[in-house]
Amino acid sequence: MNAYLKLRKQRILCHECGFNFILRTNIVEPNCYISNNTKLAVTLETFDIISECDIAKHINTSYSTVNRIINSYYEIHHPHRNNLL
């Protein structure tokens, strides 16, 4: 089941120092529209041997979104060539 969550920035002004703070949430990363739960679901689906198109259909997202999430995970956890031998 898909849900559309509309989040807005909340800015808080510190009256002592005059600095503006922006509240953050753990639902989405800053400047991102894809929720962390969706990214986690894609990552968990990659443990099974299924195509990216099937993952996209199962999670109700686009193929390119699945591809970007998988590639970003690979960039973070880039395996060293010596460890693969």
C-alpha atoms as a PDB file:
ATOM      1  CA  MET A   1       0.000   0.000   0.000  1.00  0.00           C
ATOM      2  CA  ASN A   2       1.433   3.338  -1.033  1.00  0.00           C
ATOM      3  CA  ALA A   3       1.224   6.446   1.066  1.00  0.00           C
ATOM      4  CA  TYR A   4       2.089  10.002   0.176  1.00  0.00           C
ATOM      5  CA  LEU A   5       3.624  11.875   3.064  1.00  0.00           C
ATOM      6  CA  LYS A   6       3.819  15.628   2.771  1.00  0.00           C
ATOM      7  CA  LEU A   7       6.608  17.021   4.925  1.00  0.00           C
ATOM      8  CA  ARG A   8       7.469  20.661   5.337  1.00  0.00           C
ATOM      9  CA  LYS A   9      10.549  22.289   6.730  1.00  0.00           C
ATOM     10  CA  GLN A  10      10.144  23.645  10.215  1.00  0.00           C
ATOM     11  CA  ARG A  11      12.491  26.446  11.084  1.00  0.00           C
ATOM     12  CA  ILE A  12      13.101  27.401  14.690  1.00  0.00           C
ATOM     13  CA  LEU A  13      14.693  30.686  15.705  1.00  0.00           C
ATOM     14  CA  CYS A  14      16.861  30.688  18.815  1.00  0.00           C
ATOM     15  CA  HIS A  15      16.051  33.857  20.717  1.00  0.00           C
ATOM     16  CA  GLU A  16      19.370  33.816  22.574  1.00  0.00           C
ATOM     17  CA  CYS A  17      21.791  33.550  19.648  1.00  0.00           C
ATOM     18  CA  GLY A  18      19.497  34.486  16.744  1.00  0.00           C
ATOM     19  CA  PHE A  19      20.401  31.342  14.777  1.00  0.00           C
ATOM     20  CA  ASN A  20      17.851  29.472  12.644  1.00  0.00           C
ATOM     21  CA  PHE A  21      17.597  25.715  13.059  1.00  0.00           C
ATOM     22  CA  ILE A  22      15.833  23.343  10.676  1.00  0.00           C
ATOM     23  CA  LEU A  23      14.147  20.328  12.221  1.00  0.00           C
ATOM     24  CA  ARG A  24      15.078  16.999  10.681  1.00  0.00           C
ATOM     25  CA  THR A  25      13.296  13.680  10.453  1.00  0.00           C
ATOM     26  CA  ASN A  26      14.561  10.138  10.102  1.00  0.00           C
ATOM     27  CA  ILE A  27      11.864   9.264   7.544  1.00  0.00           C
ATOM     28  CA  VAL A  28      13.731  10.799   4.588  1.00  0.00           C
ATOM     29  CA  GLU A  29      17.237  12.094   4.036  1.00  0.00           C
ATOM     30  CA  PRO A  30      17.672  15.846   3.486  1.00  0.00           C
ATOM     31  CA  ASN A  31      16.925  16.895  -0.123  1.00  0.00           C
ATOM     32  CA  CYS A  32      15.519  13.448  -0.958  1.00  0.00           C
ATOM     33  CA  TYR A  33      12.008  12.320  -1.883  1.00  0.00           C
ATOM     34  CA  ILE A  34      12.422   8.567  -1.394  1.00  0.00           C
ATOM     35  CA  SER A  35      11.813   7.326   2.134  1.00  0.00           C
ATOM     36  CA  ASN A  36      14.407   5.353   4.026  1.00  0.00           C
ATOM     37  CA  ASN A  37      11.891   2.506   4.412  1.00  0.00           C
ATOM     38  CA  THR A  38      11.600   2.233   0.621  1.00  0.00           C
ATOM     39  CA  LYS A  39      15.377   2.171   0.277  1.00  0.00           C
ATOM     40  CA  LEU A  40      15.572  -0.523   2.939  1.00  0.00           C
ATOM     41  CA  ALA A  41      12.865  -2.577   1.219  1.00  0.00           C
ATOM     42  CA  VAL A  42      14.769  -2.421  -2.081  1.00  0.00           C
ATOM     43  CA  THR A  43      17.980  -3.435  -0.333  1.00  0.00           C
ATOM     44  CA  LEU A  44      16.289  -6.396   1.358  1.00  0.00           C
ATOM     45  CA  GLU A  45      14.733  -7.503  -1.935  1.00  0.00           C
ATOM     46  CA  THR A  46      18.164  -7.648  -3.562  1.00  0.00           C
ATOM     47  CA  PHE A  47      19.135 -10.590  -1.360  1.00  0.00           C
ATOM     48  CA  ASP A  48      16.745 -12.730  -3.410  1.00  0.00           C
ATOM     49  CA  ILE A  49      17.693 -13.552  -6.967  1.00  0.00           C
ATOM     50  CA  ILE A  50      15.098 -11.500  -8.847  1.00  0.00           C
ATOM     51  CA  SER A  51      15.362  -8.802 -11.473  1.00  0.00           C
ATOM     52  CA  GLU A  52      15.293  -5.089 -10.792  1.00  0.00           C
ATOM     53  CA  CYS A  53      12.032  -4.810 -12.733  1.00  0.00           C
ATOM     54  CA  ASP A  54      10.390  -7.372 -10.449  1.00  0.00           C
ATOM     55  CA  ILE A  55      11.653  -5.519  -7.379  1.00  0.00           C
ATOM     56  CA  ALA A  56      10.204  -2.288  -8.768  1.00  0.00           C
ATOM     57  CA  LYS A  57       6.818  -3.934  -9.364  1.00  0.00           C
ATOM     58  CA  HIS A  58       6.788  -5.515  -5.919  1.00  0.00           C
ATOM     59  CA  ILE A  59       7.609  -2.256  -4.111  1.00  0.00           C
ATOM     60  CA  ASN A  60       5.526  -0.060  -6.465  1.00  0.00           C
ATOM     61  CA  THR A  61       8.361   2.166  -7.554  1.00  0.00           C
ATOM     62  CA  SER A  62      10.149   2.750 -10.827  1.00  0.00           C
ATOM     63  CA  TYR A  63      12.926   0.628 -12.261  1.00  0.00           C
ATOM     64  CA  SER A  64      15.283   3.615 -12.308  1.00  0.00           C
ATOM     65  CA  THR A  65      14.678   4.232  -8.595  1.00  0.00           C
ATOM     66  CA  VAL A  66      15.585   0.632  -7.806  1.00  0.00           C
ATOM     67  CA  ASN A  67      18.663   0.920 -10.004  1.00  0.00           C
ATOM     68  CA  ARG A  68      19.793   4.143  -8.276  1.00  0.00           C
ATOM     69  CA  ILE A  69      19.317   2.640  -4.810  1.00  0.00           C
ATOM     70  CA  ILE A  70      21.304  -0.472  -5.713  1.00  0.00           C
ATOM     71  CA  ASN A  71      24.081   1.599  -7.290  1.00  0.00           C
ATOM     72  CA  SER A  72      24.271   3.943  -4.300  1.00  0.00           C
ATOM     73  CA  TYR A  73      24.525   0.950  -1.977  1.00  0.00           C
ATOM     74  CA  TYR A  74      27.315  -0.452  -4.132  1.00  0.00           C
ATOM     75  CA  GLU A  75      29.206   2.862  -4.036  1.00  0.00           C
ATOM     76  CA  ILE A  76      29.046   2.949  -0.238  1.00  0.00           C
ATOM     77  CA  HIS A  77      30.035  -0.704   0.225  1.00  0.00           C
ATOM     78  CA  HIS A  78      32.419  -1.058  -2.689  1.00  0.00           C
ATOM     79  CA  PRO A  79      34.151  -4.419  -2.300  1.00  0.00           C
ATOM     80  CA  HIS A  80      37.908  -4.560  -2.659  1.00  0.00           C
ATOM     81  CA  ARG A  81      39.157  -6.690  -5.495  1.00  0.00           C
ATOM     82  CA  ASN A  82      41.587  -8.607  -3.266  1.00  0.00           C
ATOM     83  CA  ASN A  83      38.755  -9.699  -0.975  1.00  0.00           C
ATOM     84  CA  LEU A  84      36.908 -11.358  -3.850  1.00  0.00           C
ATOM     85  CA  LEU A  85      39.672 -13.859  -4.586  1.00  0.00           C
END
